[in-house]
Amino acid sequence: MKNNTVTEVGDELEHSPINEIRARRNHLAGYWVGQKLGLLGGDLSAYARDAHESDYEMAGDADIIAKLTGDLKAHGVIFSNDEANELLKSCHRQSLLDSHCTD
């Protein structure tokens, strides 16, 4: 049996199907919010990437929800935590479909 280093184990977890689905979910949510903010092209892609990276600040979804709702609020768009939660659920379902997985 192979002994993995901490880095190897971390790399395996990062590229696990569940994390890839979560990353896709975050990117889809970031694209949706970015479009609401009027972003296009490279700016939209960068925003989606930033939204995904915000999900690593703490366990759970509170960090990405805070980013999405805060950015929308800063642009005068009212978007509640419950609405952000529903957006993440919808994007999660789409990610599962895109990856041919089931819940």
N, C-alpha and C. Protein backbone atom coordinates (compact mmCIF):
# COMPACT_ATOMS: atom_id res chain seq x y z
N MET A 1 0.85 -1.19 0.00
CA MET A 1 0.00 0.00 0.00
C MET A 1 0.88 1.24 0.00
N LYS A 2 0.51 2.18 -0.82
CA LYS A 2 1.29 3.42 -0.97
C LYS A 2 0.99 4.39 0.17
N ASN A 3 2.04 4.98 0.72
CA ASN A 3 1.88 6.04 1.71
C ASN A 3 1.90 7.37 0.98
N ASN A 4 0.82 8.13 1.09
CA ASN A 4 0.73 9.43 0.43
C ASN A 4 1.22 10.52 1.35
N THR A 5 1.84 11.52 0.76
CA THR A 5 2.21 12.70 1.52
C THR A 5 0.96 13.55 1.71
N VAL A 6 1.02 14.50 2.61
CA VAL A 6 -0.12 15.39 2.84
C VAL A 6 -0.47 16.13 1.56
N THR A 7 0.52 16.57 0.81
CA THR A 7 0.28 17.28 -0.45
C THR A 7 -0.43 16.38 -1.45
N GLU A 8 -0.01 15.14 -1.56
CA GLU A 8 -0.65 14.22 -2.50
C GLU A 8 -2.10 13.96 -2.11
N VAL A 9 -2.36 13.79 -0.82
CA VAL A 9 -3.73 13.59 -0.35
C VAL A 9 -4.56 14.82 -0.64
N GLY A 10 -4.01 16.01 -0.38
CA GLY A 10 -4.73 17.26 -0.67
C GLY A 10 -5.04 17.40 -2.15
N ASP A 11 -4.08 17.04 -3.01
CA ASP A 11 -4.32 17.10 -4.46
C ASP A 11 -5.42 16.13 -4.87
N GLU A 12 -5.43 14.93 -4.29
CA GLU A 12 -6.46 13.95 -4.61
C GLU A 12 -7.83 14.46 -4.20
N LEU A 13 -7.92 15.06 -3.01
CA LEU A 13 -9.20 15.60 -2.55
C LEU A 13 -9.66 16.76 -3.40
N GLU A 14 -8.74 17.64 -3.78
CA GLU A 14 -9.08 18.80 -4.58
C GLU A 14 -9.66 18.39 -5.92
N HIS A 15 -9.19 17.28 -6.48
CA HIS A 15 -9.63 16.83 -7.79
C HIS A 15 -10.66 15.71 -7.70
N SER A 16 -11.25 15.52 -6.53
CA SER A 16 -12.28 14.50 -6.37
C SER A 16 -13.54 14.98 -7.08
N PRO A 17 -14.38 14.05 -7.51
CA PRO A 17 -15.61 14.44 -8.22
C PRO A 17 -16.48 15.42 -7.43
N ILE A 18 -16.60 15.23 -6.13
CA ILE A 18 -17.44 16.14 -5.33
C ILE A 18 -16.90 17.57 -5.34
N ASN A 19 -15.59 17.72 -5.28
CA ASN A 19 -15.00 19.06 -5.32
C ASN A 19 -15.09 19.66 -6.71
N GLU A 20 -15.00 18.84 -7.74
CA GLU A 20 -15.15 19.36 -9.10
C GLU A 20 -16.57 19.84 -9.33
N ILE A 21 -17.55 19.12 -8.79
CA ILE A 21 -18.95 19.54 -8.91
C ILE A 21 -19.16 20.84 -8.14
N ARG A 22 -18.59 20.93 -6.95
CA ARG A 22 -18.71 22.16 -6.15
C ARG A 22 -18.04 23.34 -6.86
N ALA A 23 -16.90 23.10 -7.46
CA ALA A 23 -16.21 24.17 -8.20
C ALA A 23 -17.06 24.64 -9.37
N ARG A 24 -17.66 23.69 -10.09
CA ARG A 24 -18.53 24.07 -11.22
C ARG A 24 -19.73 24.85 -10.70
N ARG A 25 -20.31 24.40 -9.59
CA ARG A 25 -21.45 25.10 -8.99
C ARG A 25 -21.07 26.55 -8.70
N ASN A 26 -19.91 26.73 -8.07
CA ASN A 26 -19.47 28.07 -7.70
C ASN A 26 -19.24 28.94 -8.93
N HIS A 27 -18.63 28.37 -9.96
CA HIS A 27 -18.39 29.13 -11.18
C HIS A 27 -19.72 29.52 -11.84
N LEU A 28 -20.67 28.59 -11.91
CA LEU A 28 -21.97 28.91 -12.50
C LEU A 28 -22.66 30.03 -11.73
N ALA A 29 -22.62 29.95 -10.41
CA ALA A 29 -23.22 31.02 -9.59
C ALA A 29 -22.49 32.34 -9.82
N GLY A 30 -21.18 32.27 -9.92
CA GLY A 30 -20.39 33.48 -10.18
C GLY A 30 -20.71 34.10 -11.52
N TYR A 31 -20.91 33.25 -12.55
CA TYR A 31 -21.29 33.77 -13.86
C TYR A 31 -22.67 34.43 -13.80
N TRP A 32 -23.59 33.81 -13.08
CA TRP A 32 -24.94 34.37 -12.98
C TRP A 32 -24.90 35.74 -12.32
N VAL A 33 -24.22 35.83 -11.17
CA VAL A 33 -24.12 37.10 -10.46
C VAL A 33 -23.33 38.11 -11.28
N GLY A 34 -22.24 37.67 -11.88
CA GLY A 34 -21.43 38.57 -12.70
C GLY A 34 -22.23 39.20 -13.83
N GLN A 35 -23.11 38.41 -14.45
CA GLN A 35 -23.97 38.96 -15.50
C GLN A 35 -24.92 40.00 -14.94
N LYS A 36 -25.46 39.74 -13.73
CA LYS A 36 -26.33 40.73 -13.07
C LYS A 36 -25.57 42.03 -12.78
N LEU A 37 -24.26 41.91 -12.58
CA LEU A 37 -23.43 43.08 -12.32
C LEU A 37 -23.01 43.79 -13.60
N GLY A 38 -23.36 43.21 -14.75
CA GLY A 38 -23.04 43.82 -16.03
C GLY A 38 -21.66 43.49 -16.56
N LEU A 39 -21.04 42.47 -15.99
CA LEU A 39 -19.69 42.09 -16.44
C LEU A 39 -19.77 41.27 -17.73
N LEU A 40 -18.72 41.40 -18.53
CA LEU A 40 -18.64 40.68 -19.81
C LEU A 40 -17.24 40.12 -20.00
N GLY A 41 -17.13 39.12 -20.86
CA GLY A 41 -15.83 38.60 -21.29
C GLY A 41 -14.92 38.19 -20.16
N GLY A 42 -13.69 38.68 -20.23
CA GLY A 42 -12.67 38.34 -19.24
C GLY A 42 -13.02 38.79 -17.84
N ASP A 43 -13.71 39.93 -17.73
CA ASP A 43 -14.12 40.41 -16.41
C ASP A 43 -15.14 39.45 -15.79
N LEU A 44 -16.04 38.92 -16.62
CA LEU A 44 -17.03 37.96 -16.13
C LEU A 44 -16.36 36.67 -15.69
N SER A 45 -15.43 36.18 -16.49
CA SER A 45 -14.70 34.95 -16.13
C SER A 45 -13.89 35.14 -14.85
N ALA A 46 -13.25 36.28 -14.72
CA ALA A 46 -12.46 36.57 -13.52
C ALA A 46 -13.37 36.64 -12.29
N TYR A 47 -14.55 37.22 -12.44
CA TYR A 47 -15.49 37.30 -11.32
C TYR A 47 -15.93 35.90 -10.90
N ALA A 48 -16.25 35.04 -11.86
CA ALA A 48 -16.66 33.67 -11.55
C ALA A 48 -15.55 32.93 -10.81
N ARG A 49 -14.32 33.13 -11.24
CA ARG A 49 -13.17 32.49 -10.58
C ARG A 49 -13.02 33.03 -9.15
N ASP A 50 -13.18 34.34 -8.98
CA ASP A 50 -13.09 34.94 -7.64
C ASP A 50 -14.21 34.42 -6.73
N ALA A 51 -15.40 34.25 -7.29
CA ALA A 51 -16.52 33.72 -6.50
C ALA A 51 -16.18 32.32 -6.01
N HIS A 52 -15.63 31.50 -6.89
CA HIS A 52 -15.24 30.14 -6.50
C HIS A 52 -14.17 30.18 -5.41
N GLU A 53 -13.17 31.01 -5.59
CA GLU A 53 -12.07 31.07 -4.61
C GLU A 53 -12.56 31.58 -3.26
N SER A 54 -13.62 32.37 -3.24
CA SER A 54 -14.15 32.86 -1.97
C SER A 54 -14.73 31.73 -1.12
N ASP A 55 -15.05 30.61 -1.76
CA ASP A 55 -15.65 29.49 -1.05
C ASP A 55 -14.65 28.75 -0.18
N TYR A 56 -13.37 29.10 -0.26
CA TYR A 56 -12.35 28.44 0.54
C TYR A 56 -12.01 29.20 1.82
N GLU A 57 -12.71 30.29 2.09
CA GLU A 57 -12.39 31.10 3.26
C GLU A 57 -12.85 30.46 4.56
N MET A 58 -13.95 29.71 4.54
CA MET A 58 -14.44 29.01 5.74
C MET A 58 -15.28 27.82 5.30
N ALA A 59 -15.52 26.91 6.21
CA ALA A 59 -16.32 25.73 5.90
C ALA A 59 -17.77 26.15 5.61
N GLY A 60 -18.42 25.41 4.74
CA GLY A 60 -19.81 25.70 4.41
C GLY A 60 -19.92 26.74 3.30
N ASP A 61 -21.12 27.23 3.12
CA ASP A 61 -21.40 28.16 2.02
C ASP A 61 -21.49 29.62 2.44
N ALA A 62 -21.32 29.91 3.73
CA ALA A 62 -21.50 31.29 4.21
C ALA A 62 -20.57 32.26 3.50
N ASP A 63 -19.36 31.82 3.18
CA ASP A 63 -18.39 32.72 2.55
C ASP A 63 -18.78 33.09 1.12
N ILE A 64 -19.18 32.12 0.33
CA ILE A 64 -19.56 32.44 -1.05
C ILE A 64 -20.89 33.19 -1.08
N ILE A 65 -21.80 32.85 -0.17
CA ILE A 65 -23.07 33.57 -0.09
C ILE A 65 -22.81 35.04 0.26
N ALA A 66 -21.91 35.28 1.21
CA ALA A 66 -21.58 36.65 1.58
C ALA A 66 -21.00 37.42 0.41
N LYS A 67 -20.14 36.78 -0.37
CA LYS A 67 -19.54 37.45 -1.53
C LYS A 67 -20.62 37.81 -2.55
N LEU A 68 -21.44 36.83 -2.91
CA LEU A 68 -22.44 37.05 -3.95
C LEU A 68 -23.46 38.11 -3.53
N THR A 69 -23.99 37.99 -2.32
CA THR A 69 -25.00 38.95 -1.86
C THR A 69 -24.38 40.33 -1.64
N GLY A 70 -23.15 40.36 -1.12
CA GLY A 70 -22.47 41.64 -0.88
C GLY A 70 -22.16 42.38 -2.16
N ASP A 71 -21.69 41.66 -3.17
CA ASP A 71 -21.37 42.30 -4.45
C ASP A 71 -22.63 42.83 -5.12
N LEU A 72 -23.71 42.06 -5.06
CA LEU A 72 -24.97 42.54 -5.65
C LEU A 72 -25.49 43.76 -4.89
N LYS A 73 -25.44 43.70 -3.56
CA LYS A 73 -25.91 44.83 -2.74
C LYS A 73 -25.11 46.09 -3.05
N ALA A 74 -23.80 45.93 -3.24
CA ALA A 74 -22.94 47.08 -3.56
C ALA A 74 -23.33 47.74 -4.89
N HIS A 75 -24.02 46.97 -5.73
CA HIS A 75 -24.48 47.50 -7.02
C HIS A 75 -25.98 47.79 -7.01
N GLY A 76 -26.57 47.85 -5.81
CA GLY A 76 -27.97 48.23 -5.68
C GLY A 76 -28.96 47.13 -5.96
N VAL A 77 -28.50 45.88 -6.02
CA VAL A 77 -29.40 44.75 -6.29
C VAL A 77 -29.66 44.02 -4.98
N ILE A 78 -30.93 43.94 -4.59
CA ILE A 78 -31.31 43.23 -3.37
C ILE A 78 -31.36 41.74 -3.69
N PHE A 79 -30.58 40.97 -2.95
CA PHE A 79 -30.48 39.52 -3.15
C PHE A 79 -30.20 38.91 -1.79
N SER A 80 -31.20 38.23 -1.25
CA SER A 80 -31.11 37.72 0.12
C SER A 80 -30.23 36.47 0.22
N ASN A 81 -29.87 36.13 1.43
CA ASN A 81 -29.12 34.89 1.67
C ASN A 81 -29.93 33.68 1.21
N ASP A 82 -31.25 33.72 1.43
CA ASP A 82 -32.09 32.61 0.99
C ASP A 82 -32.08 32.49 -0.53
N GLU A 83 -32.12 33.62 -1.22
CA GLU A 83 -32.06 33.59 -2.69
C GLU A 83 -30.70 33.07 -3.15
N ALA A 84 -29.64 33.46 -2.47
CA ALA A 84 -28.30 32.97 -2.83
C ALA A 84 -28.21 31.48 -2.59
N ASN A 85 -28.80 31.01 -1.51
CA ASN A 85 -28.83 29.57 -1.22
C ASN A 85 -29.56 28.82 -2.33
N GLU A 86 -30.68 29.35 -2.77
CA GLU A 86 -31.43 28.72 -3.87
C GLU A 86 -30.63 28.74 -5.17
N LEU A 87 -29.91 29.82 -5.42
CA LEU A 87 -29.05 29.89 -6.60
C LEU A 87 -27.99 28.79 -6.53
N LEU A 88 -27.36 28.64 -5.38
CA LEU A 88 -26.33 27.60 -5.23
C LEU A 88 -26.93 26.21 -5.43
N LYS A 89 -28.13 25.98 -4.92
CA LYS A 89 -28.79 24.67 -5.12
C LYS A 89 -29.06 24.42 -6.60
N SER A 90 -29.56 25.43 -7.27
CA SER A 90 -29.84 25.30 -8.70
C SER A 90 -28.56 25.04 -9.50
N CYS A 91 -27.50 25.77 -9.16
CA CYS A 91 -26.22 25.58 -9.85
C CYS A 91 -25.62 24.22 -9.52
N HIS A 92 -25.87 23.73 -8.31
CA HIS A 92 -25.39 22.39 -7.93
C HIS A 92 -26.09 21.33 -8.78
N ARG A 93 -27.41 21.46 -8.92
CA ARG A 93 -28.15 20.51 -9.76
C ARG A 93 -27.63 20.54 -11.20
N GLN A 94 -27.37 21.75 -11.72
CA GLN A 94 -26.86 21.86 -13.08
C GLN A 94 -25.48 21.23 -13.19
N SER A 95 -24.66 21.40 -12.17
CA SER A 95 -23.32 20.80 -12.17
C SER A 95 -23.40 19.28 -12.20
N LEU A 96 -24.34 18.73 -11.44
CA LEU A 96 -24.54 17.28 -11.45
C LEU A 96 -24.96 16.80 -12.84
N LEU A 97 -25.88 17.53 -13.46
CA LEU A 97 -26.30 17.17 -14.82
C LEU A 97 -25.15 17.26 -15.80
N ASP A 98 -24.38 18.33 -15.69
CA ASP A 98 -23.24 18.53 -16.60
C ASP A 98 -22.20 17.43 -16.47
N SER A 99 -22.05 16.90 -15.25
CA SER A 99 -21.05 15.87 -15.01
C SER A 99 -21.62 14.46 -15.13
N HIS A 100 -22.91 14.39 -15.47
CA HIS A 100 -23.60 13.10 -15.62
C HIS A 100 -23.66 12.32 -14.32
N CYS A 101 -23.69 13.04 -13.20
CA CYS A 101 -23.86 12.41 -11.88
C CYS A 101 -25.31 12.55 -11.46
N THR A 102 -25.66 11.88 -10.39
CA THR A 102 -26.99 12.01 -9.82
C THR A 102 -26.86 12.42 -8.38
N ASP A 103 -27.93 13.05 -7.80
CA ASP A 103 -27.81 13.43 -6.41
C ASP A 103 -28.03 12.26 -5.52
